[in-house]
Amino acid sequence: MKIDWNTIDTVLLDMDGTLLDLHFDNFFWLTHLPRRYAEHHGLCANKTTPELHKRLNAKRGTLEWYCLEHWSQELSLNIRQLKEEIDYLITERPFVQEFLEQLGAHGKQRILITNAHPQSLDLKLKLTSIKPLLDQVYSSHEFGHPKESPIFWQLLERRQHFNPARTLFIDDSLPVLKAAAAYGIGHLLAISQPDSRTAPIIIQEFPSIIHFDEILPDGE
């Protein structure tokens, strides 16, 4: 696809599934956490996993769903520590370095906005190379509202002072992209293969890419 980079000053970027491979998060919440939860409480994993997933999904779209402290308390587990057990799965998606570097070279403001809890954000920034290539980093937890909420976008613009009409937002979550559209973000782009271990998703609501080499601004 073609992006007119002359119409964009700011690029808002999601982290998990956009800059980083979502495989880590999917494997953690769907497989590793249920297994360790069952071990810790002396339960049968096959029996407890569906119920655990039901408890997790009941909070989907809320700040609690992303909150490590909430789930540590709810499940009597150290979620940060459990994430560190498989931190070797935390990897950048293809062409992320090149994309961020070229955005900087073309004078675009590079802002990371994530629903990830600060503990998870800290872990991932330490284990990847994206932080030096970002101009600002925000977790929705510091605003008290997830990216699915219109209040998040109001507070973000008040803090960052960007022009929504001249902003590109890239995310793998359709509910989040819809919230950004409702707020008036001018340019929206979805990631169709956030997890490298799964097939690309067909997305009809928004323009989409698989990897960032499709939209590199070099030569603009």
N, C-alpha and C. Protein backbone atom coordinates (compact mmCIF):
# COMPACT_ATOMS: atom_id res chain seq x y z
N MET A 1 0.84 -1.19 0.00
CA MET A 1 0.00 0.00 0.00
C MET A 1 0.88 1.24 0.00
N LYS A 2 0.30 2.36 -0.38
CA LYS A 2 1.03 3.62 -0.49
C LYS A 2 0.56 4.59 0.58
N ILE A 3 1.50 5.17 1.31
CA ILE A 3 1.19 6.18 2.32
C ILE A 3 1.82 7.50 1.88
N ASP A 4 1.05 8.57 1.90
CA ASP A 4 1.58 9.89 1.61
C ASP A 4 2.19 10.45 2.90
N TRP A 5 3.47 10.25 3.05
CA TRP A 5 4.14 10.64 4.29
C TRP A 5 4.20 12.16 4.47
N ASN A 6 3.95 12.92 3.41
CA ASN A 6 3.92 14.38 3.55
C ASN A 6 2.72 14.86 4.34
N THR A 7 1.73 13.99 4.54
CA THR A 7 0.53 14.37 5.28
C THR A 7 0.59 13.90 6.73
N ILE A 8 1.73 13.34 7.14
CA ILE A 8 1.85 12.75 8.48
C ILE A 8 3.03 13.36 9.23
N ASP A 9 2.75 13.83 10.45
CA ASP A 9 3.79 14.36 11.33
C ASP A 9 4.13 13.40 12.46
N THR A 10 3.13 12.67 12.93
CA THR A 10 3.27 11.81 14.11
C THR A 10 2.84 10.39 13.77
N VAL A 11 3.62 9.42 14.25
CA VAL A 11 3.25 8.02 14.10
C VAL A 11 3.09 7.42 15.49
N LEU A 12 1.86 7.02 15.80
CA LEU A 12 1.57 6.35 17.06
C LEU A 12 1.66 4.85 16.82
N LEU A 13 2.40 4.15 17.68
CA LEU A 13 2.70 2.74 17.45
C LEU A 13 2.32 1.90 18.66
N ASP A 14 1.57 0.85 18.40
CA ASP A 14 1.31 -0.17 19.42
C ASP A 14 2.60 -0.98 19.61
N MET A 15 2.68 -1.74 20.69
CA MET A 15 3.86 -2.56 20.94
C MET A 15 3.61 -4.03 20.61
N ASP A 16 2.80 -4.72 21.40
CA ASP A 16 2.61 -6.16 21.24
C ASP A 16 1.75 -6.47 20.02
N GLY A 17 2.33 -7.17 19.06
CA GLY A 17 1.63 -7.49 17.84
C GLY A 17 1.89 -6.48 16.74
N THR A 18 2.55 -5.38 17.06
CA THR A 18 2.86 -4.35 16.08
C THR A 18 4.37 -4.20 15.94
N LEU A 19 5.03 -3.74 16.98
CA LEU A 19 6.49 -3.68 16.97
C LEU A 19 7.11 -5.01 17.41
N LEU A 20 6.43 -5.69 18.33
CA LEU A 20 6.93 -6.97 18.85
C LEU A 20 6.00 -8.11 18.45
N ASP A 21 6.59 -9.28 18.31
CA ASP A 21 5.84 -10.48 17.93
C ASP A 21 4.85 -10.84 19.03
N LEU A 22 3.59 -11.01 18.66
CA LEU A 22 2.55 -11.33 19.64
C LEU A 22 2.63 -12.78 20.11
N HIS A 23 3.50 -13.57 19.50
CA HIS A 23 3.61 -14.97 19.90
C HIS A 23 3.95 -15.11 21.39
N PHE A 24 4.82 -14.22 21.90
CA PHE A 24 5.15 -14.28 23.31
C PHE A 24 3.91 -14.15 24.18
N ASP A 25 3.09 -13.17 23.91
CA ASP A 25 1.90 -12.91 24.74
C ASP A 25 0.87 -14.02 24.58
N ASN A 26 0.67 -14.47 23.35
CA ASN A 26 -0.30 -15.55 23.14
C ASN A 26 0.14 -16.82 23.86
N PHE A 27 1.41 -17.15 23.75
CA PHE A 27 1.90 -18.36 24.40
C PHE A 27 1.83 -18.22 25.91
N PHE A 28 2.14 -17.03 26.42
CA PHE A 28 2.11 -16.84 27.87
C PHE A 28 0.70 -17.00 28.43
N TRP A 29 -0.27 -16.28 27.88
CA TRP A 29 -1.62 -16.27 28.45
C TRP A 29 -2.41 -17.53 28.12
N LEU A 30 -2.16 -18.12 26.98
CA LEU A 30 -2.93 -19.30 26.57
C LEU A 30 -2.33 -20.62 27.03
N THR A 31 -1.01 -20.65 27.22
CA THR A 31 -0.35 -21.92 27.53
C THR A 31 0.48 -21.88 28.81
N HIS A 32 1.42 -20.95 28.89
CA HIS A 32 2.36 -20.96 30.01
C HIS A 32 1.69 -20.64 31.34
N LEU A 33 0.89 -19.58 31.38
CA LEU A 33 0.22 -19.21 32.62
C LEU A 33 -0.73 -20.30 33.11
N PRO A 34 -1.61 -20.86 32.27
CA PRO A 34 -2.48 -21.95 32.76
C PRO A 34 -1.70 -23.13 33.30
N ARG A 35 -0.59 -23.47 32.64
CA ARG A 35 0.23 -24.59 33.10
C ARG A 35 0.83 -24.31 34.47
N ARG A 36 1.39 -23.14 34.64
CA ARG A 36 2.04 -22.79 35.90
C ARG A 36 1.00 -22.56 37.01
N TYR A 37 -0.16 -22.05 36.64
CA TYR A 37 -1.25 -21.86 37.60
C TYR A 37 -1.68 -23.22 38.16
N ALA A 38 -1.85 -24.19 37.29
CA ALA A 38 -2.25 -25.53 37.72
C ALA A 38 -1.18 -26.16 38.60
N GLU A 39 0.09 -26.00 38.23
CA GLU A 39 1.19 -26.55 39.03
C GLU A 39 1.22 -25.91 40.41
N HIS A 40 1.10 -24.61 40.46
CA HIS A 40 1.20 -23.87 41.72
C HIS A 40 0.08 -24.26 42.69
N HIS A 41 -1.12 -24.49 42.16
CA HIS A 41 -2.28 -24.77 43.01
C HIS A 41 -2.60 -26.27 43.09
N GLY A 42 -1.75 -27.10 42.48
CA GLY A 42 -1.96 -28.54 42.54
C GLY A 42 -3.23 -29.00 41.84
N LEU A 43 -3.50 -28.41 40.67
CA LEU A 43 -4.71 -28.72 39.93
C LEU A 43 -4.38 -29.40 38.60
N CYS A 44 -5.39 -29.91 37.96
CA CYS A 44 -5.24 -30.52 36.64
C CYS A 44 -5.33 -29.44 35.58
N ALA A 45 -4.29 -29.27 34.80
CA ALA A 45 -4.24 -28.20 33.81
C ALA A 45 -5.37 -28.30 32.79
N ASN A 46 -5.69 -29.52 32.35
CA ASN A 46 -6.74 -29.70 31.35
C ASN A 46 -8.10 -29.23 31.86
N LYS A 47 -8.33 -29.38 33.16
CA LYS A 47 -9.61 -28.97 33.73
C LYS A 47 -9.65 -27.49 34.07
N THR A 48 -8.52 -26.94 34.51
CA THR A 48 -8.52 -25.56 34.98
C THR A 48 -8.31 -24.54 33.86
N THR A 49 -7.67 -24.95 32.76
CA THR A 49 -7.36 -24.00 31.69
C THR A 49 -8.60 -23.32 31.11
N PRO A 50 -9.67 -24.04 30.75
CA PRO A 50 -10.86 -23.35 30.21
C PRO A 50 -11.46 -22.34 31.19
N GLU A 51 -11.51 -22.69 32.46
CA GLU A 51 -12.06 -21.78 33.46
C GLU A 51 -11.17 -20.56 33.63
N LEU A 52 -9.85 -20.77 33.60
CA LEU A 52 -8.92 -19.65 33.72
C LEU A 52 -9.07 -18.70 32.54
N HIS A 53 -9.16 -19.25 31.33
CA HIS A 53 -9.35 -18.42 30.14
C HIS A 53 -10.66 -17.63 30.24
N LYS A 54 -11.69 -18.24 30.80
CA LYS A 54 -12.97 -17.56 30.97
C LYS A 54 -12.82 -16.37 31.93
N ARG A 55 -12.06 -16.56 32.99
CA ARG A 55 -11.83 -15.47 33.96
C ARG A 55 -11.05 -14.33 33.31
N LEU A 56 -10.06 -14.68 32.51
CA LEU A 56 -9.26 -13.67 31.84
C LEU A 56 -10.11 -12.89 30.84
N ASN A 57 -10.86 -13.60 30.01
CA ASN A 57 -11.64 -12.95 28.95
C ASN A 57 -12.77 -12.10 29.49
N ALA A 58 -13.21 -12.36 30.71
CA ALA A 58 -14.26 -11.54 31.32
C ALA A 58 -13.81 -10.10 31.51
N LYS A 59 -12.51 -9.88 31.55
CA LYS A 59 -11.96 -8.54 31.74
C LYS A 59 -11.46 -7.92 30.43
N ARG A 60 -11.68 -8.60 29.31
CA ARG A 60 -11.18 -8.13 28.02
C ARG A 60 -11.64 -6.70 27.73
N GLY A 61 -10.71 -5.87 27.29
CA GLY A 61 -11.04 -4.50 26.94
C GLY A 61 -10.99 -3.53 28.10
N THR A 62 -10.75 -4.04 29.30
CA THR A 62 -10.63 -3.18 30.48
C THR A 62 -9.16 -3.06 30.86
N LEU A 63 -8.85 -2.09 31.71
CA LEU A 63 -7.47 -1.92 32.15
C LEU A 63 -7.01 -3.11 32.98
N GLU A 64 -7.93 -3.73 33.72
CA GLU A 64 -7.57 -4.89 34.54
C GLU A 64 -7.08 -6.05 33.68
N TRP A 65 -7.62 -6.16 32.48
CA TRP A 65 -7.22 -7.27 31.59
C TRP A 65 -5.72 -7.23 31.30
N TYR A 66 -5.16 -6.02 31.27
CA TYR A 66 -3.75 -5.84 30.95
C TYR A 66 -2.87 -5.71 32.20
N CYS A 67 -3.47 -5.72 33.37
CA CYS A 67 -2.75 -5.36 34.60
C CYS A 67 -2.10 -6.58 35.26
N LEU A 68 -0.78 -6.59 35.31
CA LEU A 68 -0.06 -7.70 35.93
C LEU A 68 -0.32 -7.76 37.43
N GLU A 69 -0.43 -6.62 38.07
CA GLU A 69 -0.69 -6.60 39.51
C GLU A 69 -2.06 -7.18 39.82
N HIS A 70 -3.04 -6.87 38.98
CA HIS A 70 -4.39 -7.42 39.17
C HIS A 70 -4.38 -8.93 39.11
N TRP A 71 -3.75 -9.50 38.08
CA TRP A 71 -3.76 -10.95 37.92
C TRP A 71 -2.83 -11.65 38.90
N SER A 72 -1.78 -10.97 39.32
CA SER A 72 -0.94 -11.55 40.36
C SER A 72 -1.74 -11.76 41.64
N GLN A 73 -2.56 -10.77 41.97
CA GLN A 73 -3.40 -10.87 43.17
C GLN A 73 -4.53 -11.88 42.98
N GLU A 74 -5.18 -11.83 41.82
CA GLU A 74 -6.31 -12.71 41.56
C GLU A 74 -5.92 -14.19 41.53
N LEU A 75 -4.73 -14.48 40.99
CA LEU A 75 -4.32 -15.86 40.78
C LEU A 75 -3.29 -16.34 41.79
N SER A 76 -2.90 -15.44 42.71
CA SER A 76 -1.87 -15.78 43.72
C SER A 76 -0.58 -16.26 43.05
N LEU A 77 -0.16 -15.52 42.04
CA LEU A 77 1.06 -15.82 41.30
C LEU A 77 1.82 -14.53 41.03
N ASN A 78 3.13 -14.64 40.82
CA ASN A 78 3.94 -13.50 40.42
C ASN A 78 3.99 -13.49 38.89
N ILE A 79 3.10 -12.72 38.27
CA ILE A 79 2.98 -12.74 36.82
C ILE A 79 4.25 -12.24 36.14
N ARG A 80 4.86 -11.19 36.68
CA ARG A 80 6.11 -10.69 36.10
C ARG A 80 7.17 -11.79 36.09
N GLN A 81 7.29 -12.51 37.18
CA GLN A 81 8.28 -13.58 37.27
C GLN A 81 7.98 -14.70 36.28
N LEU A 82 6.71 -15.03 36.12
CA LEU A 82 6.34 -16.06 35.15
C LEU A 82 6.66 -15.62 33.73
N LYS A 83 6.50 -14.33 33.44
CA LYS A 83 6.85 -13.84 32.11
C LYS A 83 8.35 -13.96 31.86
N GLU A 84 9.12 -13.73 32.90
CA GLU A 84 10.57 -13.81 32.74
C GLU A 84 11.03 -15.23 32.44
N GLU A 85 10.23 -16.22 32.83
CA GLU A 85 10.59 -17.62 32.57
C GLU A 85 10.63 -17.93 31.07
N ILE A 86 9.88 -17.17 30.27
CA ILE A 86 9.88 -17.42 28.83
C ILE A 86 10.24 -16.15 28.06
N ASP A 87 11.05 -15.28 28.67
CA ASP A 87 11.36 -14.00 28.02
C ASP A 87 12.19 -14.16 26.75
N TYR A 88 12.73 -15.36 26.51
CA TYR A 88 13.47 -15.60 25.27
C TYR A 88 12.55 -15.55 24.05
N LEU A 89 11.23 -15.58 24.28
CA LEU A 89 10.27 -15.49 23.18
C LEU A 89 9.96 -14.04 22.80
N ILE A 90 10.45 -13.08 23.55
CA ILE A 90 10.20 -11.66 23.26
C ILE A 90 11.11 -11.24 22.11
N THR A 91 10.52 -10.96 20.95
CA THR A 91 11.31 -10.59 19.77
C THR A 91 10.62 -9.48 19.00
N GLU A 92 11.40 -8.74 18.25
CA GLU A 92 10.86 -7.70 17.38
C GLU A 92 10.31 -8.32 16.10
N ARG A 93 9.31 -7.69 15.53
CA ARG A 93 8.78 -8.14 14.25
C ARG A 93 9.72 -7.69 13.12
N PRO A 94 9.64 -8.33 11.96
CA PRO A 94 10.54 -7.97 10.86
C PRO A 94 10.43 -6.51 10.44
N PHE A 95 11.58 -5.93 10.10
CA PHE A 95 11.70 -4.57 9.56
C PHE A 95 11.33 -3.46 10.55
N VAL A 96 11.20 -3.78 11.82
CA VAL A 96 10.88 -2.76 12.82
C VAL A 96 12.00 -1.74 12.95
N GLN A 97 13.24 -2.21 13.03
CA GLN A 97 14.38 -1.30 13.16
C GLN A 97 14.45 -0.34 11.98
N GLU A 98 14.35 -0.89 10.78
CA GLU A 98 14.44 -0.05 9.58
C GLU A 98 13.31 0.98 9.53
N PHE A 99 12.11 0.55 9.89
CA PHE A 99 10.96 1.44 9.86
C PHE A 99 11.14 2.60 10.83
N LEU A 100 11.50 2.30 12.07
CA LEU A 100 11.66 3.35 13.07
C LEU A 100 12.81 4.29 12.71
N GLU A 101 13.88 3.73 12.19
CA GLU A 101 15.02 4.57 11.80
C GLU A 101 14.64 5.54 10.68
N GLN A 102 13.90 5.04 9.69
CA GLN A 102 13.51 5.90 8.58
C GLN A 102 12.48 6.94 8.99
N LEU A 103 11.61 6.58 9.90
CA LEU A 103 10.68 7.59 10.42
C LEU A 103 11.45 8.74 11.06
N GLY A 104 12.46 8.38 11.87
CA GLY A 104 13.27 9.41 12.50
C GLY A 104 14.02 10.25 11.49
N ALA A 105 14.55 9.60 10.47
CA ALA A 105 15.31 10.31 9.44
C ALA A 105 14.43 11.29 8.66
N HIS A 106 13.14 10.99 8.57
CA HIS A 106 12.21 11.87 7.87
C HIS A 106 11.50 12.84 8.81
N GLY A 107 11.96 12.91 10.04
CA GLY A 107 11.44 13.90 10.98
C GLY A 107 10.06 13.59 11.54
N LYS A 108 9.67 12.33 11.50
CA LYS A 108 8.37 11.97 12.05
C LYS A 108 8.49 11.68 13.55
N GLN A 109 7.50 12.14 14.30
CA GLN A 109 7.45 11.88 15.73
C GLN A 109 7.01 10.43 15.96
N ARG A 110 7.83 9.65 16.70
CA ARG A 110 7.58 8.22 16.90
C ARG A 110 7.16 7.99 18.35
N ILE A 111 5.86 7.71 18.56
CA ILE A 111 5.31 7.59 19.90
C ILE A 111 4.76 6.19 20.12
N LEU A 112 5.28 5.50 21.12
CA LEU A 112 4.75 4.19 21.48
C LEU A 112 3.60 4.37 22.47
N ILE A 113 2.43 3.80 22.14
CA ILE A 113 1.31 3.81 23.08
C ILE A 113 0.86 2.36 23.22
N THR A 114 0.89 1.85 24.43
CA THR A 114 0.60 0.44 24.67
C THR A 114 -0.31 0.25 25.86
N ASN A 115 -1.12 -0.80 25.81
CA ASN A 115 -1.91 -1.20 26.96
C ASN A 115 -1.12 -2.06 27.92
N ALA A 116 0.10 -2.41 27.55
CA ALA A 116 0.92 -3.27 28.41
C ALA A 116 1.14 -2.62 29.77
N HIS A 117 1.09 -3.43 30.80
CA HIS A 117 1.35 -2.96 32.15
C HIS A 117 2.81 -2.48 32.23
N PRO A 118 3.11 -1.46 33.04
CA PRO A 118 4.48 -0.95 33.14
C PRO A 118 5.53 -2.02 33.42
N GLN A 119 5.19 -3.05 34.20
CA GLN A 119 6.15 -4.12 34.46
C GLN A 119 6.47 -4.89 33.18
N SER A 120 5.46 -5.16 32.39
CA SER A 120 5.66 -5.86 31.13
C SER A 120 6.38 -4.96 30.13
N LEU A 121 6.01 -3.70 30.10
CA LEU A 121 6.67 -2.74 29.21
C LEU A 121 8.15 -2.64 29.54
N ASP A 122 8.48 -2.54 30.81
CA ASP A 122 9.88 -2.45 31.24
C ASP A 122 10.67 -3.68 30.80
N LEU A 123 10.09 -4.85 30.98
CA LEU A 123 10.76 -6.09 30.60
C LEU A 123 11.05 -6.11 29.10
N LYS A 124 10.07 -5.73 28.30
CA LYS A 124 10.23 -5.81 26.85
C LYS A 124 11.18 -4.75 26.30
N LEU A 125 11.17 -3.58 26.89
CA LEU A 125 12.10 -2.55 26.44
C LEU A 125 13.55 -2.92 26.77
N LYS A 126 13.75 -3.64 27.86
CA LYS A 126 15.09 -4.07 28.24
C LYS A 126 15.62 -5.16 27.31
N LEU A 127 14.71 -5.98 26.77
CA LEU A 127 15.13 -7.13 25.98
C LEU A 127 15.08 -6.90 24.47
N THR A 128 14.68 -5.71 24.06
CA THR A 128 14.64 -5.39 22.63
C THR A 128 15.41 -4.10 22.38
N SER A 129 15.48 -3.71 21.13
CA SER A 129 16.26 -2.52 20.75
C SER A 129 15.39 -1.36 20.29
N ILE A 130 14.12 -1.36 20.64
CA ILE A 130 13.22 -0.35 20.10
C ILE A 130 13.26 0.99 20.87
N LYS A 131 13.58 0.96 22.14
CA LYS A 131 13.45 2.18 22.95
C LYS A 131 14.27 3.35 22.42
N PRO A 132 15.54 3.17 22.02
CA PRO A 132 16.31 4.31 21.51
C PRO A 132 15.75 4.90 20.22
N LEU A 133 14.89 4.15 19.54
CA LEU A 133 14.32 4.60 18.27
C LEU A 133 12.93 5.21 18.44
N LEU A 134 12.52 5.42 19.68
CA LEU A 134 11.23 6.03 19.97
C LEU A 134 11.43 7.39 20.63
N ASP A 135 10.56 8.33 20.32
CA ASP A 135 10.66 9.67 20.90
C ASP A 135 9.92 9.78 22.22
N GLN A 136 8.93 8.92 22.42
CA GLN A 136 8.19 8.93 23.68
C GLN A 136 7.51 7.58 23.84
N VAL A 137 7.33 7.16 25.10
CA VAL A 137 6.68 5.89 25.41
C VAL A 137 5.60 6.12 26.45
N TYR A 138 4.39 5.62 26.18
CA TYR A 138 3.29 5.75 27.13
C TYR A 138 2.62 4.39 27.34
N SER A 139 2.35 4.07 28.59
CA SER A 139 1.47 2.96 28.92
C SER A 139 0.11 3.53 29.29
N SER A 140 -0.95 2.89 28.83
CA SER A 140 -2.29 3.38 29.14
C SER A 140 -2.57 3.38 30.64
N HIS A 141 -1.79 2.61 31.39
CA HIS A 141 -1.99 2.54 32.84
C HIS A 141 -1.70 3.88 33.52
N GLU A 142 -0.83 4.68 32.92
CA GLU A 142 -0.55 5.98 33.53
C GLU A 142 -1.68 6.98 33.29
N PHE A 143 -2.60 6.65 32.37
CA PHE A 143 -3.77 7.48 32.13
C PHE A 143 -5.01 6.96 32.84
N GLY A 144 -4.93 5.71 33.33
CA GLY A 144 -6.06 5.12 34.03
C GLY A 144 -7.16 4.60 33.13
N HIS A 145 -6.91 4.54 31.82
CA HIS A 145 -7.91 4.06 30.86
C HIS A 145 -7.19 3.35 29.72
N PRO A 146 -7.75 2.23 29.22
CA PRO A 146 -7.13 1.52 28.10
C PRO A 146 -7.35 2.26 26.79
N LYS A 147 -6.64 1.85 25.76
CA LYS A 147 -6.75 2.50 24.45
C LYS A 147 -8.13 2.32 23.83
N GLU A 148 -8.89 1.35 24.32
CA GLU A 148 -10.25 1.16 23.84
C GLU A 148 -11.19 2.29 24.29
N SER A 149 -10.77 3.07 25.27
CA SER A 149 -11.62 4.11 25.84
C SER A 149 -11.36 5.47 25.17
N PRO A 150 -12.42 6.24 24.89
CA PRO A 150 -12.22 7.59 24.33
C PRO A 150 -11.48 8.51 25.29
N ILE A 151 -11.58 8.23 26.58
CA ILE A 151 -10.89 9.07 27.57
C ILE A 151 -9.37 8.95 27.41
N PHE A 152 -8.89 7.76 27.06
CA PHE A 152 -7.46 7.59 26.83
C PHE A 152 -6.97 8.56 25.77
N TRP A 153 -7.69 8.67 24.68
CA TRP A 153 -7.24 9.51 23.56
C TRP A 153 -7.27 10.99 23.93
N GLN A 154 -8.25 11.38 24.71
CA GLN A 154 -8.31 12.76 25.17
C GLN A 154 -7.10 13.10 26.04
N LEU A 155 -6.78 12.20 26.96
CA LEU A 155 -5.66 12.42 27.87
C LEU A 155 -4.33 12.35 27.13
N LEU A 156 -4.24 11.47 26.14
CA LEU A 156 -3.00 11.36 25.37
C LEU A 156 -2.72 12.64 24.60
N GLU A 157 -3.73 13.17 23.93
CA GLU A 157 -3.52 14.40 23.16
C GLU A 157 -3.19 15.57 24.08
N ARG A 158 -3.79 15.59 25.25
CA ARG A 158 -3.48 16.65 26.21
C ARG A 158 -2.03 16.55 26.67
N ARG A 159 -1.52 15.35 26.80
CA ARG A 159 -0.13 15.13 27.26
C ARG A 159 0.88 15.34 26.13
N GLN A 160 0.58 14.81 24.94
CA GLN A 160 1.56 14.78 23.87
C GLN A 160 1.44 15.93 22.88
N HIS A 161 0.27 16.54 22.75
CA HIS A 161 0.05 17.68 21.85
C HIS A 161 0.39 17.33 20.40
N PHE A 162 -0.33 16.34 19.85
CA PHE A 162 -0.19 15.99 18.45
C PHE A 162 -1.45 16.40 17.70
N ASN A 163 -1.34 16.48 16.38
CA ASN A 163 -2.48 16.82 15.54
C ASN A 163 -3.12 15.53 15.04
N PRO A 164 -4.31 15.15 15.52
CA PRO A 164 -4.92 13.88 15.13
C PRO A 164 -5.05 13.72 13.61
N ALA A 165 -5.35 14.81 12.91
CA ALA A 165 -5.56 14.73 11.46
C ALA A 165 -4.28 14.37 10.72
N ARG A 166 -3.13 14.71 11.30
CA ARG A 166 -1.84 14.45 10.67
C ARG A 166 -1.07 13.34 11.41
N THR A 167 -1.83 12.40 11.95
CA THR A 167 -1.26 11.31 12.73
C THR A 167 -1.61 9.96 12.10
N LEU A 168 -0.62 9.08 12.04
CA LEU A 168 -0.83 7.69 11.63
C LEU A 168 -0.75 6.83 12.87
N PHE A 169 -1.75 5.97 13.06
CA PHE A 169 -1.76 5.04 14.19
C PHE A 169 -1.75 3.62 13.67
N ILE A 170 -0.81 2.79 14.16
CA ILE A 170 -0.67 1.41 13.71
C ILE A 170 -0.88 0.48 14.90
N ASP A 171 -1.79 -0.46 14.76
CA ASP A 171 -2.12 -1.38 15.86
C ASP A 171 -2.65 -2.68 15.26
N ASP A 172 -2.58 -3.76 16.04
CA ASP A 172 -3.14 -5.04 15.59
C ASP A 172 -4.53 -5.29 16.16
N SER A 173 -5.01 -4.43 17.04
CA SER A 173 -6.31 -4.61 17.69
C SER A 173 -7.39 -3.80 16.97
N LEU A 174 -8.38 -4.47 16.43
CA LEU A 174 -9.46 -3.75 15.75
C LEU A 174 -10.29 -2.88 16.70
N PRO A 175 -10.63 -3.34 17.93
CA PRO A 175 -11.35 -2.46 18.86
C PRO A 175 -10.58 -1.17 19.16
N VAL A 176 -9.26 -1.29 19.28
CA VAL A 176 -8.45 -0.09 19.55
C VAL A 176 -8.42 0.83 18.34
N LEU A 177 -8.29 0.26 17.14
CA LEU A 177 -8.30 1.07 15.92
C LEU A 177 -9.65 1.78 15.76
N LYS A 178 -10.73 1.10 16.11
CA LYS A 178 -12.05 1.72 16.03
C LYS A 178 -12.18 2.88 17.01
N ALA A 179 -11.59 2.73 18.19
CA ALA A 179 -11.62 3.82 19.17
C ALA A 179 -10.82 5.02 18.65
N ALA A 180 -9.68 4.74 18.00
CA ALA A 180 -8.86 5.82 17.43
C ALA A 180 -9.61 6.51 16.29
N ALA A 181 -10.31 5.73 15.47
CA ALA A 181 -11.09 6.31 14.38
C ALA A 181 -12.19 7.22 14.92
N ALA A 182 -12.86 6.76 15.97
CA ALA A 182 -13.93 7.55 16.57
C ALA A 182 -13.40 8.85 17.14
N TYR A 183 -12.16 8.83 17.60
CA TYR A 183 -11.57 10.04 18.17
C TYR A 183 -11.14 11.03 17.08
N GLY A 184 -10.90 10.53 15.88
CA GLY A 184 -10.53 11.42 14.79
C GLY A 184 -9.09 11.29 14.31
N ILE A 185 -8.42 10.18 14.67
CA ILE A 185 -7.07 9.97 14.14
C ILE A 185 -7.17 9.83 12.63
N GLY A 186 -6.37 10.60 11.91
CA GLY A 186 -6.55 10.73 10.47
C GLY A 186 -6.15 9.54 9.63
N HIS A 187 -5.14 8.79 10.08
CA HIS A 187 -4.61 7.69 9.28
C HIS A 187 -4.49 6.45 10.18
N LEU A 188 -5.11 5.36 9.75
CA LEU A 188 -5.15 4.15 10.55
C LEU A 188 -4.67 2.96 9.75
N LEU A 189 -3.91 2.10 10.41
CA LEU A 189 -3.33 0.95 9.72
C LEU A 189 -3.29 -0.25 10.67
N ALA A 190 -3.75 -1.40 10.19
CA ALA A 190 -3.78 -2.61 11.00
C ALA A 190 -2.62 -3.54 10.61
N ILE A 191 -2.20 -4.34 11.58
CA ILE A 191 -1.22 -5.40 11.34
C ILE A 191 -1.98 -6.70 11.19
N SER A 192 -1.81 -7.37 10.06
CA SER A 192 -2.62 -8.55 9.77
C SER A 192 -1.99 -9.87 10.21
N GLN A 193 -0.71 -9.82 10.62
CA GLN A 193 -0.07 -11.03 11.15
C GLN A 193 0.72 -10.68 12.41
N PRO A 194 0.01 -10.36 13.50
CA PRO A 194 0.70 -9.95 14.73
C PRO A 194 1.49 -11.08 15.38
N ASP A 195 1.04 -12.32 15.21
CA ASP A 195 1.72 -13.50 15.77
C ASP A 195 2.38 -14.24 14.61
N SER A 196 3.70 -14.36 14.65
CA SER A 196 4.44 -14.98 13.54
C SER A 196 4.13 -16.45 13.38
N ARG A 197 3.53 -17.08 14.41
CA ARG A 197 3.24 -18.51 14.34
C ARG A 197 1.83 -18.79 13.80
N THR A 198 1.09 -17.75 13.47
CA THR A 198 -0.26 -17.93 12.92
C THR A 198 -0.36 -17.27 11.56
N ALA A 199 -1.35 -17.66 10.78
CA ALA A 199 -1.52 -17.11 9.44
C ALA A 199 -2.04 -15.68 9.50
N PRO A 200 -1.77 -14.87 8.48
CA PRO A 200 -2.32 -13.51 8.43
C PRO A 200 -3.84 -13.52 8.50
N ILE A 201 -4.38 -12.46 9.08
CA ILE A 201 -5.83 -12.31 9.23
C ILE A 201 -6.36 -11.42 8.11
N ILE A 202 -7.52 -11.75 7.58
CA ILE A 202 -8.16 -10.90 6.58
C ILE A 202 -8.88 -9.77 7.30
N ILE A 203 -8.46 -8.54 7.04
CA ILE A 203 -9.04 -7.37 7.72
C ILE A 203 -9.74 -6.50 6.69
N GLN A 204 -11.00 -6.23 6.92
CA GLN A 204 -11.79 -5.44 5.99
C GLN A 204 -12.05 -4.02 6.48
N GLU A 205 -12.02 -3.83 7.79
CA GLU A 205 -12.38 -2.52 8.35
C GLU A 205 -11.32 -1.44 8.13
N PHE A 206 -10.05 -1.85 8.03
CA PHE A 206 -8.96 -0.88 7.91
C PHE A 206 -7.93 -1.37 6.89
N PRO A 207 -7.17 -0.45 6.30
CA PRO A 207 -6.03 -0.87 5.49
C PRO A 207 -5.08 -1.67 6.39
N SER A 208 -4.36 -2.63 5.82
CA SER A 208 -3.50 -3.47 6.64
C SER A 208 -2.22 -3.83 5.92
N ILE A 209 -1.22 -4.20 6.69
CA ILE A 209 0.04 -4.70 6.18
C ILE A 209 0.43 -5.93 6.99
N ILE A 210 1.35 -6.71 6.45
CA ILE A 210 1.92 -7.80 7.22
C ILE A 210 3.19 -7.31 7.90
N HIS A 211 4.11 -6.70 7.11
CA HIS A 211 5.37 -6.20 7.67
C HIS A 211 5.61 -4.75 7.25
N PHE A 212 6.50 -4.08 7.96
CA PHE A 212 6.74 -2.66 7.74
C PHE A 212 7.49 -2.35 6.46
N ASP A 213 8.10 -3.35 5.82
CA ASP A 213 8.78 -3.06 4.56
C ASP A 213 7.80 -2.62 3.48
N GLU A 214 6.51 -2.83 3.71
CA GLU A 214 5.48 -2.41 2.76
C GLU A 214 5.25 -0.91 2.77
N ILE A 215 5.67 -0.23 3.83
CA ILE A 215 5.37 1.20 3.96
C ILE A 215 6.58 2.03 4.35
N LEU A 216 7.79 1.54 4.12
CA LEU A 216 8.98 2.31 4.49
C LEU A 216 8.97 3.67 3.80
N PRO A 217 9.21 4.75 4.55
CA PRO A 217 9.15 6.10 3.95
C PRO A 217 10.40 6.51 3.20
N ASP A 218 11.38 5.64 3.08
CA ASP A 218 12.62 5.97 2.38
C ASP A 218 12.31 6.37 0.94
N GLY A 219 12.85 7.52 0.55
CA GLY A 219 12.66 7.99 -0.82
C GLY A 219 11.52 8.98 -0.96
N GLU A 220 10.77 9.19 0.13
CA GLU A 220 9.68 10.17 0.04
C GLU A 220 10.25 11.58 -0.10
